[in-house]
Amino acid sequence: MNKKNLTDKLTEELGSLLKNRKMTYKIQLGLLIISYIGFGYVYFYLKGDVFLPLFVISMLYISMIYKDFKNIKEIKKELNSREKENKIIN
């Protein structure tokens, strides 16, 4: 009974984590767009190129998303292993 409650708790945490992540992705994307406008304007004024700042900032954003999805995958693996343990016990 205790392990089932733990599995339910992990499921709720995973759901809330995914829900919160969607909002933070929107906030991060907004901040990155603002930073691109500022950084891109300065770089364009100095060098005349716009694509390098866009590339750098988009790579930073993609790496942040990749790290978050990697963490979510680990949580899902932990959840699946605990569910299997629960089935074996029952």
C-alpha atoms as a PDB file:
ATOM      1  CA  MET A   1       0.000   0.000   0.000  1.00  0.00           C
ATOM      2  CA  ASN A   2       2.827   2.354   0.842  1.00  0.00           C
ATOM      3  CA  LYS A   3       4.575   1.797  -2.511  1.00  0.00           C
ATOM      4  CA  LYS A   4       1.361   2.521  -4.397  1.00  0.00           C
ATOM      5  CA  ASN A   5       1.063   5.857  -2.622  1.00  0.00           C
ATOM      6  CA  LEU A   6       4.682   6.579  -3.505  1.00  0.00           C
ATOM      7  CA  THR A   7       4.014   5.763  -7.168  1.00  0.00           C
ATOM      8  CA  ASP A   8       0.961   8.032  -7.174  1.00  0.00           C
ATOM      9  CA  LYS A   9       3.039  10.777  -5.603  1.00  0.00           C
ATOM     10  CA  LEU A  10       5.739  10.361  -8.270  1.00  0.00           C
ATOM     11  CA  THR A  11       3.089  10.500 -10.999  1.00  0.00           C
ATOM     12  CA  GLU A  12       1.703  13.728  -9.566  1.00  0.00           C
ATOM     13  CA  GLU A  13       5.197  15.214  -9.324  1.00  0.00           C
ATOM     14  CA  LEU A  14       5.936  14.277 -12.926  1.00  0.00           C
ATOM     15  CA  GLY A  15       2.676  15.866 -14.092  1.00  0.00           C
ATOM     16  CA  SER A  16       3.327  19.071 -12.173  1.00  0.00           C
ATOM     17  CA  LEU A  17       6.915  19.145 -13.434  1.00  0.00           C
ATOM     18  CA  LEU A  18       5.741  18.870 -17.039  1.00  0.00           C
ATOM     19  CA  LYS A  19       3.088  21.540 -16.478  1.00  0.00           C
ATOM     20  CA  ASN A  20       5.572  23.925 -14.866  1.00  0.00           C
ATOM     21  CA  ARG A  21       8.143  23.255 -17.585  1.00  0.00           C
ATOM     22  CA  LYS A  22       5.755  24.414 -20.323  1.00  0.00           C
ATOM     23  CA  MET A  23       5.342  27.765 -18.597  1.00  0.00           C
ATOM     24  CA  THR A  24       9.053  28.194 -17.940  1.00  0.00           C
ATOM     25  CA  TYR A  25       9.832  27.373 -21.581  1.00  0.00           C
ATOM     26  CA  LYS A  26       7.568  30.239 -22.631  1.00  0.00           C
ATOM     27  CA  ILE A  27       9.246  32.585 -20.152  1.00  0.00           C
ATOM     28  CA  GLN A  28      12.733  31.457 -21.226  1.00  0.00           C
ATOM     29  CA  LEU A  29      11.832  31.852 -24.887  1.00  0.00           C
ATOM     30  CA  GLY A  30      10.573  35.380 -24.226  1.00  0.00           C
ATOM     31  CA  LEU A  31      13.756  36.290 -22.367  1.00  0.00           C
ATOM     32  CA  LEU A  32      15.890  34.793 -25.129  1.00  0.00           C
ATOM     33  CA  ILE A  33      14.021  36.756 -27.792  1.00  0.00           C
ATOM     34  CA  ILE A  34      14.559  39.958 -25.807  1.00  0.00           C
ATOM     35  CA  SER A  35      18.241  39.137 -25.315  1.00  0.00           C
ATOM     36  CA  TYR A  36      18.564  38.323 -29.021  1.00  0.00           C
ATOM     37  CA  ILE A  37      17.102  41.687 -29.947  1.00  0.00           C
ATOM     38  CA  GLY A  38      19.551  43.489 -27.656  1.00  0.00           C
ATOM     39  CA  PHE A  39      22.612  41.375 -28.429  1.00  0.00           C
ATOM     40  CA  GLY A  40      21.747  41.128 -32.126  1.00  0.00           C
ATOM     41  CA  TYR A  41      21.332  44.878 -32.439  1.00  0.00           C
ATOM     42  CA  VAL A  42      24.713  45.573 -30.834  1.00  0.00           C
ATOM     43  CA  TYR A  43      26.442  42.857 -32.872  1.00  0.00           C
ATOM     44  CA  PHE A  44      24.772  44.050 -36.091  1.00  0.00           C
ATOM     45  CA  TYR A  45      25.833  47.607 -35.321  1.00  0.00           C
ATOM     46  CA  LEU A  46      29.449  46.501 -34.784  1.00  0.00           C
ATOM     47  CA  LYS A  47      29.877  43.708 -37.356  1.00  0.00           C
ATOM     48  CA  GLY A  48      26.887  43.841 -39.683  1.00  0.00           C
ATOM     49  CA  ASP A  49      25.886  40.193 -39.091  1.00  0.00           C
ATOM     50  CA  VAL A  50      22.639  39.014 -37.510  1.00  0.00           C
ATOM     51  CA  PHE A  51      22.873  35.226 -37.802  1.00  0.00           C
ATOM     52  CA  LEU A  52      25.685  34.537 -35.317  1.00  0.00           C
ATOM     53  CA  PRO A  53      23.784  35.887 -32.271  1.00  0.00           C
ATOM     54  CA  LEU A  54      20.665  34.018 -33.391  1.00  0.00           C
ATOM     55  CA  PHE A  55      22.667  30.794 -33.703  1.00  0.00           C
ATOM     56  CA  VAL A  56      24.357  31.198 -30.299  1.00  0.00           C
ATOM     57  CA  ILE A  57      21.152  32.027 -28.433  1.00  0.00           C
ATOM     58  CA  SER A  58      19.152  29.263 -30.137  1.00  0.00           C
ATOM     59  CA  MET A  59      21.856  26.716 -29.240  1.00  0.00           C
ATOM     60  CA  LEU A  60      21.694  27.842 -25.596  1.00  0.00           C
ATOM     61  CA  TYR A  61      17.904  27.431 -25.616  1.00  0.00           C
ATOM     62  CA  ILE A  62      18.089  23.976 -27.220  1.00  0.00           C
ATOM     63  CA  SER A  63      20.672  22.845 -24.666  1.00  0.00           C
ATOM     64  CA  MET A  64      18.418  24.005 -21.789  1.00  0.00           C
ATOM     65  CA  ILE A  65      15.469  22.079 -23.217  1.00  0.00           C
ATOM     66  CA  TYR A  66      17.636  18.988 -23.770  1.00  0.00           C
ATOM     67  CA  LYS A  67      18.811  18.987 -20.138  1.00  0.00           C
ATOM     68  CA  ASP A  68      15.241  19.311 -18.881  1.00  0.00           C
ATOM     69  CA  PHE A  69      13.956  16.467 -21.063  1.00  0.00           C
ATOM     70  CA  LYS A  70      16.869  14.315 -19.940  1.00  0.00           C
ATOM     71  CA  ASN A  71      15.820  14.891 -16.314  1.00  0.00           C
ATOM     72  CA  ILE A  72      12.194  14.085 -17.154  1.00  0.00           C
ATOM     73  CA  LYS A  73      13.282  10.825 -18.844  1.00  0.00           C
ATOM     74  CA  GLU A  74      15.164   9.822 -15.692  1.00  0.00           C
ATOM     75  CA  ILE A  75      12.075  10.516 -13.571  1.00  0.00           C
ATOM     76  CA  LYS A  76       9.940   8.414 -15.939  1.00  0.00           C
ATOM     77  CA  LYS A  77      12.441   5.536 -15.761  1.00  0.00           C
ATOM     78  CA  GLU A  78      12.366   5.696 -11.964  1.00  0.00           C
ATOM     79  CA  LEU A  79       8.569   5.712 -12.032  1.00  0.00           C
ATOM     80  CA  ASN A  80       8.444   2.690 -14.362  1.00  0.00           C
ATOM     81  CA  SER A  81      10.919   0.731 -12.245  1.00  0.00           C
ATOM     82  CA  ARG A  82       8.914   1.434  -9.089  1.00  0.00           C
ATOM     83  CA  GLU A  83       5.696   0.373 -10.821  1.00  0.00           C
ATOM     84  CA  LYS A  84       7.359  -2.898 -11.868  1.00  0.00           C
ATOM     85  CA  GLU A  85       8.517  -3.482  -8.287  1.00  0.00           C
ATOM     86  CA  ASN A  86       4.985  -2.819  -7.102  1.00  0.00           C
ATOM     87  CA  LYS A  87       3.564  -5.364  -9.591  1.00  0.00           C
ATOM     88  CA  ILE A  88       6.113  -7.982  -8.528  1.00  0.00           C
ATOM     89  CA  ILE A  89       5.202  -7.537  -4.861  1.00  0.00           C
ATOM     90  CA  ASN A  90       1.472  -7.720  -5.589  1.00  0.00           C
END
